[in-house]
N, C-alpha and C. Protein backbone atom coordinates (compact mmCIF):
# COMPACT_ATOMS: atom_id res chain seq x y z
N MET A 1 -34.56 -28.76 -19.64
CA MET A 1 -34.18 -28.38 -18.28
C MET A 1 -35.37 -28.51 -17.33
N ALA A 2 -36.53 -28.09 -17.81
CA ALA A 2 -37.73 -28.17 -16.97
C ALA A 2 -38.07 -29.63 -16.69
N GLN A 3 -37.86 -30.49 -17.68
CA GLN A 3 -38.14 -31.92 -17.49
C GLN A 3 -37.21 -32.52 -16.43
N LEU A 4 -35.93 -32.08 -16.43
CA LEU A 4 -34.97 -32.56 -15.44
C LEU A 4 -35.39 -32.14 -14.03
N LEU A 5 -35.79 -30.89 -13.87
CA LEU A 5 -36.25 -30.42 -12.56
C LEU A 5 -37.51 -31.17 -12.12
N GLN A 6 -38.39 -31.45 -13.06
CA GLN A 6 -39.60 -32.18 -12.71
C GLN A 6 -39.27 -33.60 -12.26
N ASN A 7 -38.29 -34.23 -12.91
CA ASN A 7 -37.87 -35.57 -12.49
C ASN A 7 -37.24 -35.55 -11.11
N ILE A 8 -36.45 -34.53 -10.83
CA ILE A 8 -35.83 -34.40 -9.50
C ILE A 8 -36.90 -34.23 -8.43
N TYR A 9 -37.91 -33.41 -8.72
CA TYR A 9 -38.99 -33.22 -7.74
C TYR A 9 -39.81 -34.49 -7.54
N ASN A 10 -39.89 -35.32 -8.56
CA ASN A 10 -40.63 -36.58 -8.42
C ASN A 10 -39.83 -37.62 -7.64
N ILE A 11 -38.51 -37.60 -7.77
CA ILE A 11 -37.66 -38.60 -7.12
C ILE A 11 -37.27 -38.19 -5.69
N ALA A 12 -37.21 -36.90 -5.42
CA ALA A 12 -36.73 -36.39 -4.13
C ALA A 12 -37.48 -36.97 -2.92
N PRO A 13 -38.81 -37.05 -2.92
CA PRO A 13 -39.48 -37.62 -1.74
C PRO A 13 -39.07 -39.06 -1.46
N MET A 14 -38.88 -39.85 -2.51
CA MET A 14 -38.46 -41.24 -2.30
C MET A 14 -37.06 -41.30 -1.71
N LEU A 15 -36.17 -40.43 -2.17
CA LEU A 15 -34.82 -40.40 -1.62
C LEU A 15 -34.82 -39.98 -0.16
N VAL A 16 -35.67 -39.03 0.18
CA VAL A 16 -35.77 -38.60 1.59
C VAL A 16 -36.30 -39.74 2.45
N ILE A 17 -37.30 -40.46 1.97
CA ILE A 17 -37.84 -41.58 2.74
C ILE A 17 -36.78 -42.66 2.92
N ILE A 18 -36.02 -42.95 1.86
CA ILE A 18 -34.95 -43.95 1.97
C ILE A 18 -33.91 -43.51 2.99
N ALA A 19 -33.55 -42.21 2.97
CA ALA A 19 -32.58 -41.70 3.94
C ALA A 19 -33.11 -41.79 5.37
N LEU A 20 -34.40 -41.50 5.56
CA LEU A 20 -34.98 -41.59 6.90
C LEU A 20 -35.02 -43.04 7.40
N PHE A 21 -35.39 -43.96 6.51
CA PHE A 21 -35.37 -45.37 6.92
C PHE A 21 -33.95 -45.83 7.23
N GLY A 22 -32.99 -45.36 6.47
CA GLY A 22 -31.59 -45.71 6.74
C GLY A 22 -31.13 -45.18 8.09
N ALA A 23 -31.51 -43.93 8.38
CA ALA A 23 -31.14 -43.35 9.68
C ALA A 23 -31.83 -44.09 10.82
N ALA A 24 -33.09 -44.46 10.63
CA ALA A 24 -33.80 -45.20 11.67
C ALA A 24 -33.17 -46.57 11.89
N ALA A 25 -32.82 -47.24 10.80
CA ALA A 25 -32.17 -48.55 10.92
C ALA A 25 -30.82 -48.42 11.61
N GLY A 26 -30.06 -47.39 11.27
CA GLY A 26 -28.77 -47.16 11.91
C GLY A 26 -28.92 -46.89 13.41
N GLY A 27 -29.91 -46.09 13.77
CA GLY A 27 -30.15 -45.82 15.18
C GLY A 27 -30.59 -47.06 15.93
N PHE A 28 -31.45 -47.85 15.30
CA PHE A 28 -31.91 -49.11 15.91
C PHE A 28 -30.74 -50.06 16.11
N TRP A 29 -29.87 -50.15 15.09
CA TRP A 29 -28.69 -51.02 15.21
C TRP A 29 -27.78 -50.53 16.33
N LEU A 30 -27.60 -49.20 16.44
CA LEU A 30 -26.72 -48.65 17.47
C LEU A 30 -27.26 -48.97 18.86
N VAL A 31 -28.56 -48.83 19.05
CA VAL A 31 -29.16 -49.14 20.36
C VAL A 31 -28.99 -50.62 20.67
N LEU A 32 -29.25 -51.49 19.69
CA LEU A 32 -29.07 -52.93 19.92
C LEU A 32 -27.61 -53.27 20.21
N ASP A 33 -26.70 -52.65 19.48
CA ASP A 33 -25.27 -52.91 19.68
C ASP A 33 -24.84 -52.46 21.07
N LEU A 34 -25.31 -51.30 21.49
CA LEU A 34 -24.93 -50.79 22.81
C LEU A 34 -25.54 -51.65 23.91
N ASN A 35 -26.78 -52.08 23.75
CA ASN A 35 -27.41 -52.92 24.77
C ASN A 35 -26.77 -54.30 24.84
N ARG A 36 -26.36 -54.83 23.70
CA ARG A 36 -25.73 -56.16 23.69
C ARG A 36 -24.37 -56.11 24.39
N LYS A 37 -23.62 -55.05 24.16
CA LYS A 37 -22.30 -54.95 24.77
C LYS A 37 -22.38 -54.49 26.23
N SER A 38 -23.53 -54.00 26.66
CA SER A 38 -23.64 -53.48 28.02
C SER A 38 -23.70 -54.59 29.07
N ALA A 39 -23.85 -55.82 28.64
CA ALA A 39 -23.90 -56.91 29.61
C ALA A 39 -22.58 -57.06 30.35
N HIS A 40 -21.49 -56.63 29.72
CA HIS A 40 -20.16 -56.79 30.31
C HIS A 40 -19.69 -55.55 31.07
N THR A 41 -20.22 -54.40 30.73
CA THR A 41 -19.79 -53.16 31.38
C THR A 41 -20.99 -52.46 32.01
N HIS A 42 -20.70 -51.58 32.92
CA HIS A 42 -21.76 -50.86 33.61
C HIS A 42 -21.70 -49.37 33.31
N TYR A 43 -21.42 -49.03 32.05
CA TYR A 43 -21.40 -47.63 31.63
C TYR A 43 -22.79 -47.20 31.21
N SER A 44 -23.06 -45.90 31.33
CA SER A 44 -24.34 -45.38 30.84
C SER A 44 -24.30 -45.33 29.31
N ILE A 45 -25.46 -45.13 28.71
CA ILE A 45 -25.53 -45.10 27.25
C ILE A 45 -24.71 -43.94 26.70
N SER A 46 -24.76 -42.78 27.36
CA SER A 46 -23.99 -41.63 26.86
C SER A 46 -22.49 -41.90 26.94
N GLU A 47 -22.04 -42.57 28.01
CA GLU A 47 -20.62 -42.91 28.10
C GLU A 47 -20.21 -43.90 27.02
N ARG A 48 -21.10 -44.88 26.74
CA ARG A 48 -20.78 -45.85 25.69
C ARG A 48 -20.75 -45.20 24.32
N LEU A 49 -21.67 -44.26 24.06
CA LEU A 49 -21.63 -43.53 22.79
C LEU A 49 -20.34 -42.74 22.65
N PHE A 50 -19.93 -42.09 23.74
CA PHE A 50 -18.68 -41.32 23.74
C PHE A 50 -17.49 -42.23 23.45
N LEU A 51 -17.43 -43.37 24.14
CA LEU A 51 -16.32 -44.30 23.93
C LEU A 51 -16.33 -44.87 22.52
N LYS A 52 -17.52 -45.18 21.99
CA LYS A 52 -17.61 -45.74 20.64
C LYS A 52 -17.14 -44.71 19.61
N ARG A 53 -17.57 -43.45 19.77
CA ARG A 53 -17.17 -42.41 18.83
C ARG A 53 -15.66 -42.18 18.88
N ASN A 54 -15.09 -42.15 20.06
CA ASN A 54 -13.65 -41.92 20.16
C ASN A 54 -12.86 -43.12 19.67
N ALA A 55 -13.38 -44.33 19.86
CA ALA A 55 -12.70 -45.52 19.34
C ALA A 55 -12.65 -45.47 17.82
N ASN A 56 -13.74 -45.02 17.19
CA ASN A 56 -13.74 -44.89 15.73
C ASN A 56 -12.74 -43.84 15.28
N ARG A 57 -12.65 -42.74 16.02
CA ARG A 57 -11.68 -41.69 15.66
C ARG A 57 -10.25 -42.22 15.78
N LEU A 58 -9.97 -42.97 16.84
CA LEU A 58 -8.62 -43.51 17.02
C LEU A 58 -8.27 -44.52 15.91
N ARG A 59 -9.25 -45.32 15.50
CA ARG A 59 -9.01 -46.27 14.41
C ARG A 59 -8.66 -45.52 13.13
N LYS A 60 -9.38 -44.43 12.87
CA LYS A 60 -9.11 -43.65 11.67
C LYS A 60 -7.71 -43.03 11.72
N ILE A 61 -7.32 -42.56 12.90
CA ILE A 61 -5.99 -41.95 13.05
C ILE A 61 -4.91 -43.01 12.81
N HIS A 62 -5.10 -44.20 13.35
CA HIS A 62 -4.10 -45.26 13.19
C HIS A 62 -4.00 -45.74 11.75
N LEU A 63 -5.09 -45.64 11.00
CA LEU A 63 -5.05 -46.10 9.62
C LEU A 63 -4.32 -45.12 8.71
N HIS A 64 -4.27 -43.85 9.11
CA HIS A 64 -3.63 -42.85 8.23
C HIS A 64 -2.20 -42.58 8.62
């Protein structure tokens, strides 16, 4: 049991770093996606985030 906990403590920092890099990449992609689509509309970033989130919710509702 102690060996298992020791392995978890050794692996945990790497998993946290991977999660942080994933979150950073996701945020970077979101900013690029919003800026690329903003050429056609004149919405603020907060309005585009709101519309994107609600569009995803509506897609999920329609699928179920």
